[in-house]
Amino acid sequence: MRVPLRVLTMTHDPHSDPQPTLDQAEVPALSEEVQQQIGRKLRLLYEQLEAEPIPDRFVELLRALAEKESKPT
């Protein structure tokens, strides 16, 4: 199945309206099954990333920033 996709194209004509024009293009649609599979895999990936510890270097940078912000200028 193909569904219409609006594509933004810019044309330069000094005598025309400066607004971009919209053209129609067709792209294949993803099936519901494929969309669900992509969603499951993305959720799993993000869950794994959330479970990882914050690198020590980032913790040190955040601590240094907090100290710098708390000092009177």
C-alpha atoms as a PDB file:
ATOM      1  CA  MET A   1       0.000   0.000   0.000  1.00  0.00           C
ATOM      2  CA  ARG A   2       1.226   3.522  -0.734  1.00  0.00           C
ATOM      3  CA  VAL A   3       0.185   6.638   1.150  1.00  0.00           C
ATOM      4  CA  PRO A   4       0.686  10.233   0.059  1.00  0.00           C
ATOM      5  CA  LEU A   5       3.502  12.149   1.699  1.00  0.00           C
ATOM      6  CA  ARG A   6       3.680  15.914   1.537  1.00  0.00           C
ATOM      7  CA  VAL A   7       7.127  17.081   0.467  1.00  0.00           C
ATOM      8  CA  LEU A   8       8.204  20.660   1.014  1.00  0.00           C
ATOM      9  CA  THR A   9      10.051  22.125  -1.954  1.00  0.00           C
ATOM     10  CA  MET A  10      11.490  25.592  -2.304  1.00  0.00           C
ATOM     11  CA  THR A  11      11.409  27.453  -5.587  1.00  0.00           C
ATOM     12  CA  HIS A  12      12.958  30.837  -6.194  1.00  0.00           C
ATOM     13  CA  ASP A  13      10.923  33.150  -8.379  1.00  0.00           C
ATOM     14  CA  PRO A  14      11.125  36.838  -7.436  1.00  0.00           C
ATOM     15  CA  HIS A  15       7.622  37.425  -8.885  1.00  0.00           C
ATOM     16  CA  SER A  16       5.923  34.601  -7.019  1.00  0.00           C
ATOM     17  CA  ASP A  17       4.675  34.167  -3.488  1.00  0.00           C
ATOM     18  CA  PRO A  18       7.724  33.645  -1.211  1.00  0.00           C
ATOM     19  CA  GLN A  19       5.973  30.779   0.583  1.00  0.00           C
ATOM     20  CA  PRO A  20       7.237  27.247  -0.209  1.00  0.00           C
ATOM     21  CA  THR A  21       5.024  24.985  -2.287  1.00  0.00           C
ATOM     22  CA  LEU A  22       3.870  21.508  -1.332  1.00  0.00           C
ATOM     23  CA  ASP A  23       4.194  18.640  -3.781  1.00  0.00           C
ATOM     24  CA  GLN A  24       2.776  15.148  -3.417  1.00  0.00           C
ATOM     25  CA  ALA A  25       5.013  12.078  -3.376  1.00  0.00           C
ATOM     26  CA  GLU A  26       4.180   8.495  -2.571  1.00  0.00           C
ATOM     27  CA  VAL A  27       6.015   6.332  -0.068  1.00  0.00           C
ATOM     28  CA  PRO A  28       5.271   2.796   1.041  1.00  0.00           C
ATOM     29  CA  ALA A  29       3.473   2.544   4.393  1.00  0.00           C
ATOM     30  CA  LEU A  30       4.710   0.243   7.142  1.00  0.00           C
ATOM     31  CA  SER A  31       2.354  -2.494   8.230  1.00  0.00           C
ATOM     32  CA  GLU A  32       0.982  -2.483  11.775  1.00  0.00           C
ATOM     33  CA  GLU A  33       3.070  -5.578  12.553  1.00  0.00           C
ATOM     34  CA  VAL A  34       6.298  -3.889  11.408  1.00  0.00           C
ATOM     35  CA  GLN A  35       5.490  -0.742  13.396  1.00  0.00           C
ATOM     36  CA  GLN A  36       4.876  -2.818  16.542  1.00  0.00           C
ATOM     37  CA  GLN A  37       8.120  -4.729  16.063  1.00  0.00           C
ATOM     38  CA  ILE A  38      10.088  -1.486  15.668  1.00  0.00           C
ATOM     39  CA  GLY A  39       8.393  -0.095  18.796  1.00  0.00           C
ATOM     40  CA  ARG A  40       9.258  -3.186  20.850  1.00  0.00           C
ATOM     41  CA  LYS A  41      12.899  -3.099  19.762  1.00  0.00           C
ATOM     42  CA  LEU A  42      13.230   0.638  20.471  1.00  0.00           C
ATOM     43  CA  ARG A  43      11.691   0.259  23.942  1.00  0.00           C
ATOM     44  CA  LEU A  44      14.115  -2.585  24.719  1.00  0.00           C
ATOM     45  CA  LEU A  45      17.059  -0.508  23.530  1.00  0.00           C
ATOM     46  CA  TYR A  46      16.054   2.498  25.653  1.00  0.00           C
ATOM     47  CA  GLU A  47      15.424   0.301  28.711  1.00  0.00           C
ATOM     48  CA  GLN A  48      18.964  -1.047  28.368  1.00  0.00           C
ATOM     49  CA  LEU A  49      20.388   2.471  28.072  1.00  0.00           C
ATOM     50  CA  GLU A  50      18.482   3.652  31.149  1.00  0.00           C
ATOM     51  CA  ALA A  51      19.907   0.745  33.165  1.00  0.00           C
ATOM     52  CA  GLU A  52      23.512   1.717  32.382  1.00  0.00           C
ATOM     53  CA  PRO A  53      25.344   3.713  35.063  1.00  0.00           C
ATOM     54  CA  ILE A  54      26.238   7.331  34.455  1.00  0.00           C
ATOM     55  CA  PRO A  55      29.939   7.546  33.504  1.00  0.00           C
ATOM     56  CA  ASP A  56      32.179   8.911  36.281  1.00  0.00           C
ATOM     57  CA  ARG A  57      33.370  11.736  34.023  1.00  0.00           C
ATOM     58  CA  PHE A  58      29.800  13.032  33.638  1.00  0.00           C
ATOM     59  CA  VAL A  59      29.227  12.862  37.389  1.00  0.00           C
ATOM     60  CA  GLU A  60      32.443  14.842  37.943  1.00  0.00           C
ATOM     61  CA  LEU A  61      31.385  17.465  35.385  1.00  0.00           C
ATOM     62  CA  LEU A  62      27.947  17.836  36.974  1.00  0.00           C
ATOM     63  CA  ARG A  63      29.490  18.145  40.438  1.00  0.00           C
ATOM     64  CA  ALA A  64      31.933  20.823  39.215  1.00  0.00           C
ATOM     65  CA  LEU A  65      29.115  22.742  37.536  1.00  0.00           C
ATOM     66  CA  ALA A  66      26.990  22.640  40.681  1.00  0.00           C
ATOM     67  CA  GLU A  67      29.910  23.917  42.765  1.00  0.00           C
ATOM     68  CA  LYS A  68      30.606  26.716  40.303  1.00  0.00           C
ATOM     69  CA  GLU A  69      26.945  27.790  40.275  1.00  0.00           C
ATOM     70  CA  SER A  70      26.742  27.807  44.085  1.00  0.00           C
ATOM     71  CA  LYS A  71      29.776  30.084  44.545  1.00  0.00           C
ATOM     72  CA  PRO A  72      28.983  33.802  44.879  1.00  0.00           C
ATOM     73  CA  THR A  73      30.328  35.950  42.068  1.00  0.00           C
END
